[in-house]
Amino acid sequence: MRHALLFASALTVLVTGCAAGTAPAASTERELTAADSRVPVQVTVGQVFVVRLPSNASTGYSWAWDQAAAAGVIVQDGEPAMAGVNPDPQTVGSGGTQTWRFRAAAAGQGELRLDYRRPWETGAAPAQTVRWQIQVR
């Protein structure tokens, strides 16, 4: 009986705590897609946004961020990561997704531009470019 009473009390505290607004706060992280490149993207200072793009390191191509276009309003937040790839990057066809995290650093406008290129091919046009106009408030 005593254990049942303790269990009921603990359950009441747990349920009351959940109902009282102790749920996790909503994330301020936003994911950008290629479709977002058609319209200006509005974010607030401090907001983090994530870009996930298909990539295949076995071809020598990878995404490169054009920092100059960011105009100081966007900063990289950590290093880019690859997911869904074969552990051996030399294996042909070991494609996956490259994920970039950025943070809105200051109010203003800038362009978030990523070029898909081979780093050693200087002067060559990128195989693909994705860009977003970012408005930071």
N, C-alpha and C. Protein backbone atom coordinates (compact mmCIF):
# COMPACT_ATOMS: atom_id res chain seq x y z
N MET A 1 0.82 -1.19 0.00
CA MET A 1 0.00 0.00 0.00
C MET A 1 0.86 1.25 0.00
N ARG A 2 1.90 1.24 0.82
CA ARG A 2 2.79 2.39 0.92
C ARG A 2 3.46 2.66 -0.41
N HIS A 3 3.90 1.60 -1.12
CA HIS A 3 4.54 1.76 -2.42
C HIS A 3 3.56 2.32 -3.45
N ALA A 4 2.33 1.88 -3.37
CA ALA A 4 1.31 2.37 -4.30
C ALA A 4 1.08 3.86 -4.10
N LEU A 5 1.07 4.31 -2.84
CA LEU A 5 0.87 5.72 -2.53
C LEU A 5 2.05 6.55 -3.03
N LEU A 6 3.28 6.06 -2.85
CA LEU A 6 4.47 6.76 -3.34
C LEU A 6 4.44 6.84 -4.87
N PHE A 7 4.07 5.74 -5.51
CA PHE A 7 4.00 5.72 -6.96
C PHE A 7 2.97 6.72 -7.47
N ALA A 8 1.81 6.77 -6.85
CA ALA A 8 0.74 7.70 -7.25
C ALA A 8 1.20 9.14 -7.07
N SER A 9 1.90 9.43 -5.98
CA SER A 9 2.40 10.78 -5.74
C SER A 9 3.44 11.18 -6.78
N ALA A 10 4.34 10.28 -7.09
CA ALA A 10 5.38 10.55 -8.09
C ALA A 10 4.75 10.77 -9.46
N LEU A 11 3.76 9.97 -9.80
CA LEU A 11 3.08 10.10 -11.08
C LEU A 11 2.36 11.45 -11.17
N THR A 12 1.74 11.88 -10.09
CA THR A 12 1.05 13.17 -10.06
C THR A 12 2.04 14.30 -10.29
N VAL A 13 3.18 14.26 -9.63
CA VAL A 13 4.21 15.30 -9.80
C VAL A 13 4.71 15.31 -11.25
N LEU A 14 4.93 14.15 -11.81
CA LEU A 14 5.41 14.05 -13.19
C LEU A 14 4.40 14.62 -14.18
N VAL A 15 3.15 14.24 -14.05
CA VAL A 15 2.11 14.71 -14.95
C VAL A 15 1.90 16.21 -14.78
N THR A 16 1.88 16.69 -13.55
CA THR A 16 1.70 18.11 -13.29
C THR A 16 2.85 18.91 -13.88
N GLY A 17 4.06 18.42 -13.74
CA GLY A 17 5.23 19.11 -14.30
C GLY A 17 5.15 19.20 -15.81
N CYS A 18 4.71 18.15 -16.48
CA CYS A 18 4.59 18.17 -17.94
C CYS A 18 3.50 19.13 -18.38
N ALA A 19 2.39 19.17 -17.64
CA ALA A 19 1.30 20.04 -18.01
C ALA A 19 1.62 21.50 -17.72
N ALA A 20 2.58 21.75 -16.84
CA ALA A 20 2.90 23.12 -16.44
C ALA A 20 3.87 23.79 -17.40
N GLY A 21 4.08 23.21 -18.57
CA GLY A 21 4.91 23.88 -19.56
C GLY A 21 6.38 23.52 -19.49
N THR A 22 6.70 22.35 -19.05
CA THR A 22 8.10 21.96 -18.99
C THR A 22 8.54 21.24 -20.26
N ALA A 23 7.74 21.32 -21.30
CA ALA A 23 8.10 20.69 -22.56
C ALA A 23 9.32 21.40 -23.14
N PRO A 24 10.13 20.70 -23.96
CA PRO A 24 11.31 21.33 -24.52
C PRO A 24 10.95 22.53 -25.37
N ALA A 25 11.81 23.53 -25.34
CA ALA A 25 11.60 24.75 -26.12
C ALA A 25 11.76 24.44 -27.61
N ALA A 26 11.04 25.18 -28.43
CA ALA A 26 11.13 25.00 -29.88
C ALA A 26 12.51 25.42 -30.37
N SER A 27 13.03 24.70 -31.30
CA SER A 27 14.35 25.00 -31.85
C SER A 27 14.27 26.21 -32.76
N THR A 28 15.31 27.04 -32.72
CA THR A 28 15.36 28.19 -33.62
C THR A 28 16.11 27.82 -34.89
N GLU A 29 16.49 26.56 -35.01
CA GLU A 29 17.21 26.11 -36.20
C GLU A 29 16.25 25.98 -37.37
N ARG A 30 16.70 26.42 -38.54
CA ARG A 30 15.86 26.38 -39.74
C ARG A 30 16.64 25.67 -40.84
N GLU A 31 15.95 24.83 -41.60
CA GLU A 31 16.59 24.14 -42.73
C GLU A 31 16.27 24.87 -44.02
N LEU A 32 17.30 25.12 -44.82
CA LEU A 32 17.12 25.75 -46.12
C LEU A 32 17.21 24.69 -47.20
N THR A 33 16.35 24.81 -48.19
CA THR A 33 16.38 23.90 -49.33
C THR A 33 16.65 24.71 -50.59
N ALA A 34 16.93 24.02 -51.68
CA ALA A 34 17.16 24.70 -52.95
C ALA A 34 15.94 25.51 -53.35
N ALA A 35 14.75 25.06 -52.98
CA ALA A 35 13.52 25.79 -53.31
C ALA A 35 13.48 27.15 -52.62
N ASP A 36 14.14 27.28 -51.47
CA ASP A 36 14.18 28.56 -50.76
C ASP A 36 14.99 29.62 -51.50
N SER A 37 15.76 29.20 -52.49
CA SER A 37 16.63 30.16 -53.19
C SER A 37 15.83 31.11 -54.07
N ARG A 38 14.55 30.85 -54.26
CA ARG A 38 13.73 31.69 -55.14
C ARG A 38 13.26 32.97 -54.48
N VAL A 39 13.21 32.98 -53.15
CA VAL A 39 12.73 34.16 -52.42
C VAL A 39 13.72 34.49 -51.30
N PRO A 40 13.79 35.76 -50.89
CA PRO A 40 14.69 36.09 -49.78
C PRO A 40 14.32 35.32 -48.52
N VAL A 41 15.33 34.87 -47.80
CA VAL A 41 15.15 34.13 -46.56
C VAL A 41 15.35 35.11 -45.41
N GLN A 42 14.37 35.19 -44.53
CA GLN A 42 14.46 36.09 -43.39
C GLN A 42 14.75 35.30 -42.12
N VAL A 43 15.79 35.73 -41.41
CA VAL A 43 16.17 35.10 -40.15
C VAL A 43 16.46 36.22 -39.15
N THR A 44 16.59 35.85 -37.90
CA THR A 44 16.91 36.82 -36.87
C THR A 44 18.36 36.62 -36.41
N VAL A 45 18.94 37.67 -35.86
CA VAL A 45 20.32 37.58 -35.37
C VAL A 45 20.40 36.44 -34.36
N GLY A 46 21.40 35.60 -34.53
CA GLY A 46 21.61 34.46 -33.65
C GLY A 46 20.96 33.17 -34.14
N GLN A 47 20.05 33.26 -35.08
CA GLN A 47 19.36 32.07 -35.57
C GLN A 47 20.32 31.20 -36.37
N VAL A 48 20.19 29.89 -36.20
CA VAL A 48 21.02 28.92 -36.91
C VAL A 48 20.19 28.34 -38.05
N PHE A 49 20.81 28.18 -39.20
CA PHE A 49 20.14 27.53 -40.31
C PHE A 49 21.06 26.48 -40.90
N VAL A 50 20.44 25.42 -41.42
CA VAL A 50 21.14 24.24 -41.89
C VAL A 50 20.86 24.05 -43.37
N VAL A 51 21.91 23.69 -44.11
CA VAL A 51 21.78 23.38 -45.53
C VAL A 51 22.29 21.96 -45.73
N ARG A 52 21.48 21.12 -46.35
CA ARG A 52 21.87 19.74 -46.67
C ARG A 52 21.83 19.59 -48.19
N LEU A 53 22.99 19.21 -48.75
CA LEU A 53 23.10 19.08 -50.21
C LEU A 53 23.71 17.73 -50.57
N PRO A 54 23.25 17.11 -51.65
CA PRO A 54 23.86 15.85 -52.08
C PRO A 54 25.29 16.07 -52.51
N SER A 55 26.14 15.13 -52.16
CA SER A 55 27.56 15.25 -52.47
C SER A 55 28.16 13.86 -52.68
N ASN A 56 29.17 13.79 -53.52
CA ASN A 56 29.84 12.52 -53.77
C ASN A 56 31.35 12.76 -53.78
N ALA A 57 31.97 12.55 -52.65
CA ALA A 57 33.41 12.80 -52.49
C ALA A 57 34.25 11.92 -53.40
N SER A 58 33.73 10.77 -53.81
CA SER A 58 34.53 9.88 -54.65
C SER A 58 34.79 10.48 -56.03
N THR A 59 34.03 11.50 -56.41
CA THR A 59 34.24 12.17 -57.70
C THR A 59 35.22 13.33 -57.58
N GLY A 60 35.60 13.67 -56.35
CA GLY A 60 36.49 14.80 -56.11
C GLY A 60 35.73 16.08 -55.85
N TYR A 61 34.43 16.07 -56.05
CA TYR A 61 33.63 17.28 -55.83
C TYR A 61 33.20 17.38 -54.37
N SER A 62 33.13 18.61 -53.91
CA SER A 62 32.56 18.90 -52.60
C SER A 62 32.03 20.33 -52.64
N TRP A 63 31.19 20.65 -51.67
CA TRP A 63 30.62 21.98 -51.60
C TRP A 63 31.59 22.93 -50.91
N ALA A 64 31.72 24.13 -51.45
CA ALA A 64 32.59 25.16 -50.87
C ALA A 64 31.77 26.42 -50.64
N TRP A 65 31.92 27.01 -49.47
CA TRP A 65 31.18 28.21 -49.11
C TRP A 65 31.93 29.44 -49.58
N ASP A 66 31.23 30.35 -50.24
CA ASP A 66 31.79 31.62 -50.68
C ASP A 66 31.57 32.65 -49.57
N GLN A 67 32.55 32.80 -48.68
CA GLN A 67 32.41 33.68 -47.52
C GLN A 67 32.25 35.14 -47.91
N ALA A 68 32.88 35.57 -48.99
CA ALA A 68 32.83 36.97 -49.39
C ALA A 68 31.39 37.41 -49.66
N ALA A 69 30.58 36.55 -50.23
CA ALA A 69 29.20 36.90 -50.56
C ALA A 69 28.34 37.07 -49.31
N ALA A 70 28.79 36.53 -48.19
CA ALA A 70 28.01 36.58 -46.95
C ALA A 70 27.98 37.97 -46.32
N ALA A 71 28.88 38.85 -46.74
CA ALA A 71 28.91 40.25 -46.30
C ALA A 71 28.96 40.41 -44.79
N GLY A 72 29.51 39.43 -44.07
CA GLY A 72 29.65 39.53 -42.63
C GLY A 72 28.38 39.30 -41.82
N VAL A 73 27.25 39.09 -42.48
CA VAL A 73 26.02 38.87 -41.72
C VAL A 73 25.79 37.39 -41.43
N ILE A 74 26.52 36.51 -42.14
CA ILE A 74 26.39 35.06 -41.98
C ILE A 74 27.76 34.49 -41.61
N VAL A 75 27.80 33.61 -40.62
CA VAL A 75 29.04 32.93 -40.27
C VAL A 75 28.79 31.43 -40.25
N GLN A 76 29.85 30.69 -40.53
CA GLN A 76 29.75 29.24 -40.48
C GLN A 76 29.70 28.81 -39.03
N ASP A 77 28.86 27.86 -38.70
CA ASP A 77 28.69 27.37 -37.34
C ASP A 77 29.16 25.92 -37.29
N GLY A 78 30.45 25.71 -37.05
CA GLY A 78 31.02 24.37 -37.04
C GLY A 78 31.49 23.96 -38.42
N GLU A 79 32.02 22.77 -38.49
CA GLU A 79 32.54 22.24 -39.75
C GLU A 79 31.45 21.48 -40.49
N PRO A 80 31.49 21.49 -41.84
CA PRO A 80 30.50 20.70 -42.58
C PRO A 80 30.68 19.21 -42.30
N ALA A 81 29.60 18.48 -42.39
CA ALA A 81 29.63 17.05 -42.10
C ALA A 81 29.05 16.27 -43.28
N MET A 82 29.55 15.05 -43.47
CA MET A 82 29.03 14.15 -44.49
C MET A 82 28.27 13.03 -43.80
N ALA A 83 27.16 12.63 -44.40
CA ALA A 83 26.37 11.53 -43.86
C ALA A 83 25.95 10.61 -45.00
N GLY A 84 25.76 9.35 -44.68
CA GLY A 84 25.27 8.39 -45.66
C GLY A 84 26.30 7.98 -46.69
N VAL A 85 27.57 8.05 -46.32
CA VAL A 85 28.62 7.70 -47.27
C VAL A 85 29.27 6.38 -46.89
N ASN A 86 29.89 5.77 -47.88
CA ASN A 86 30.71 4.59 -47.65
C ASN A 86 31.90 5.04 -46.81
N PRO A 87 32.33 4.30 -45.82
CA PRO A 87 33.46 4.72 -44.99
C PRO A 87 34.75 4.97 -45.78
N ASP A 88 34.89 4.37 -46.95
CA ASP A 88 36.08 4.56 -47.77
C ASP A 88 35.78 5.61 -48.85
N PRO A 89 36.29 6.86 -48.69
CA PRO A 89 35.97 7.91 -49.66
C PRO A 89 36.55 7.64 -51.05
N GLN A 90 37.42 6.66 -51.18
CA GLN A 90 37.99 6.32 -52.49
C GLN A 90 37.09 5.40 -53.29
N THR A 91 36.04 4.88 -52.65
CA THR A 91 35.13 3.98 -53.33
C THR A 91 34.21 4.77 -54.25
N VAL A 92 34.25 4.46 -55.53
CA VAL A 92 33.40 5.15 -56.49
C VAL A 92 31.94 4.93 -56.15
N GLY A 93 31.18 6.01 -56.22
CA GLY A 93 29.75 5.92 -55.94
C GLY A 93 29.39 6.08 -54.49
N SER A 94 30.34 6.50 -53.65
CA SER A 94 30.04 6.61 -52.22
C SER A 94 29.46 7.99 -51.91
N GLY A 95 28.34 8.30 -52.55
CA GLY A 95 27.69 9.59 -52.33
C GLY A 95 26.95 9.65 -51.02
N GLY A 96 26.58 10.85 -50.66
CA GLY A 96 25.84 11.06 -49.43
C GLY A 96 25.32 12.48 -49.39
N THR A 97 25.21 13.01 -48.20
CA THR A 97 24.71 14.36 -48.00
C THR A 97 25.71 15.15 -47.19
N GLN A 98 26.05 16.33 -47.69
CA GLN A 98 26.94 17.23 -46.96
C GLN A 98 26.05 18.26 -46.24
N THR A 99 26.28 18.41 -44.94
CA THR A 99 25.46 19.30 -44.12
C THR A 99 26.31 20.46 -43.63
N TRP A 100 25.80 21.64 -43.85
CA TRP A 100 26.45 22.88 -43.40
C TRP A 100 25.53 23.56 -42.39
N ARG A 101 26.12 24.15 -41.37
CA ARG A 101 25.38 24.95 -40.39
C ARG A 101 25.92 26.37 -40.44
N PHE A 102 25.00 27.32 -40.48
CA PHE A 102 25.36 28.73 -40.49
C PHE A 102 24.57 29.45 -39.41
N ARG A 103 25.09 30.61 -39.01
CA ARG A 103 24.42 31.42 -37.99
C ARG A 103 24.32 32.85 -38.49
N ALA A 104 23.18 33.47 -38.25
CA ALA A 104 23.00 34.87 -38.58
C ALA A 104 23.74 35.68 -37.52
N ALA A 105 24.80 36.38 -37.93
CA ALA A 105 25.70 37.04 -36.98
C ALA A 105 25.35 38.51 -36.74
N ALA A 106 24.81 39.18 -37.74
CA ALA A 106 24.54 40.61 -37.61
C ALA A 106 23.40 40.99 -38.55
N ALA A 107 22.69 42.04 -38.20
CA ALA A 107 21.61 42.52 -39.05
C ALA A 107 22.16 43.00 -40.39
N GLY A 108 21.41 42.75 -41.43
CA GLY A 108 21.81 43.18 -42.77
C GLY A 108 21.43 42.15 -43.81
N GLN A 109 22.04 42.30 -44.99
CA GLN A 109 21.76 41.37 -46.09
C GLN A 109 23.05 40.76 -46.60
N GLY A 110 22.97 39.51 -46.97
CA GLY A 110 24.10 38.81 -47.55
C GLY A 110 23.62 37.66 -48.39
N GLU A 111 24.52 37.09 -49.13
CA GLU A 111 24.17 35.94 -49.96
C GLU A 111 24.87 34.71 -49.39
N LEU A 112 24.11 33.67 -49.19
CA LEU A 112 24.68 32.38 -48.82
C LEU A 112 24.85 31.61 -50.11
N ARG A 113 26.11 31.41 -50.49
CA ARG A 113 26.42 30.76 -51.77
C ARG A 113 27.33 29.57 -51.54
N LEU A 114 26.94 28.43 -52.09
CA LEU A 114 27.74 27.22 -52.03
C LEU A 114 27.99 26.73 -53.45
N ASP A 115 29.25 26.47 -53.76
CA ASP A 115 29.66 25.99 -55.08
C ASP A 115 30.11 24.54 -54.96
N TYR A 116 29.65 23.71 -55.89
CA TYR A 116 30.04 22.30 -55.94
C TYR A 116 31.18 22.20 -56.94
N ARG A 117 32.38 21.98 -56.43
CA ARG A 117 33.58 22.01 -57.28
C ARG A 117 34.66 21.07 -56.77
N ARG A 118 35.64 20.87 -57.62
CA ARG A 118 36.86 20.16 -57.22
C ARG A 118 37.85 21.22 -56.78
N PRO A 119 38.33 21.14 -55.56
CA PRO A 119 39.19 22.20 -55.01
C PRO A 119 40.46 22.47 -55.80
N TRP A 120 41.00 21.47 -56.48
CA TRP A 120 42.26 21.67 -57.21
C TRP A 120 42.05 22.28 -58.59
N GLU A 121 40.83 22.39 -59.05
CA GLU A 121 40.56 22.95 -60.37
C GLU A 121 40.34 24.47 -60.25
N THR A 122 41.40 25.19 -60.01
CA THR A 122 41.30 26.64 -59.86
C THR A 122 40.95 27.28 -61.20
N GLY A 123 40.07 28.24 -61.15
CA GLY A 123 39.65 28.93 -62.36
C GLY A 123 38.53 28.24 -63.12
N ALA A 124 38.23 27.00 -62.80
CA ALA A 124 37.14 26.28 -63.48
C ALA A 124 35.80 26.67 -62.86
N ALA A 125 34.80 26.74 -63.69
CA ALA A 125 33.46 27.04 -63.19
C ALA A 125 32.96 25.88 -62.33
N PRO A 126 32.21 26.18 -61.28
CA PRO A 126 31.66 25.09 -60.46
C PRO A 126 30.68 24.25 -61.26
N ALA A 127 30.57 22.99 -60.89
CA ALA A 127 29.61 22.09 -61.54
C ALA A 127 28.18 22.52 -61.20
N GLN A 128 28.01 23.11 -60.01
CA GLN A 128 26.69 23.54 -59.56
C GLN A 128 26.88 24.64 -58.53
N THR A 129 25.95 25.57 -58.50
CA THR A 129 25.95 26.63 -57.49
C THR A 129 24.54 26.75 -56.92
N VAL A 130 24.47 26.87 -55.60
CA VAL A 130 23.21 27.10 -54.92
C VAL A 130 23.40 28.36 -54.09
N ARG A 131 22.41 29.27 -54.17
CA ARG A 131 22.54 30.54 -53.43
C ARG A 131 21.19 30.98 -52.86
N TRP A 132 21.29 31.62 -51.71
CA TRP A 132 20.12 32.16 -51.05
C TRP A 132 20.42 33.61 -50.67
N GLN A 133 19.45 34.49 -50.85
CA GLN A 133 19.56 35.86 -50.37
C GLN A 133 19.04 35.85 -48.93
N ILE A 134 19.91 36.23 -48.00
CA ILE A 134 19.58 36.17 -46.58
C ILE A 134 19.38 37.58 -46.04
N GLN A 135 18.25 37.81 -45.38
CA GLN A 135 17.97 39.06 -44.71
C GLN A 135 17.96 38.77 -43.21
N VAL A 136 18.90 39.39 -42.50
CA VAL A 136 19.00 39.17 -41.05
C VAL A 136 18.42 40.38 -40.34
N ARG A 137 17.49 40.12 -39.46
CA ARG A 137 16.85 41.21 -38.68
C ARG A 137 17.29 41.18 -37.25
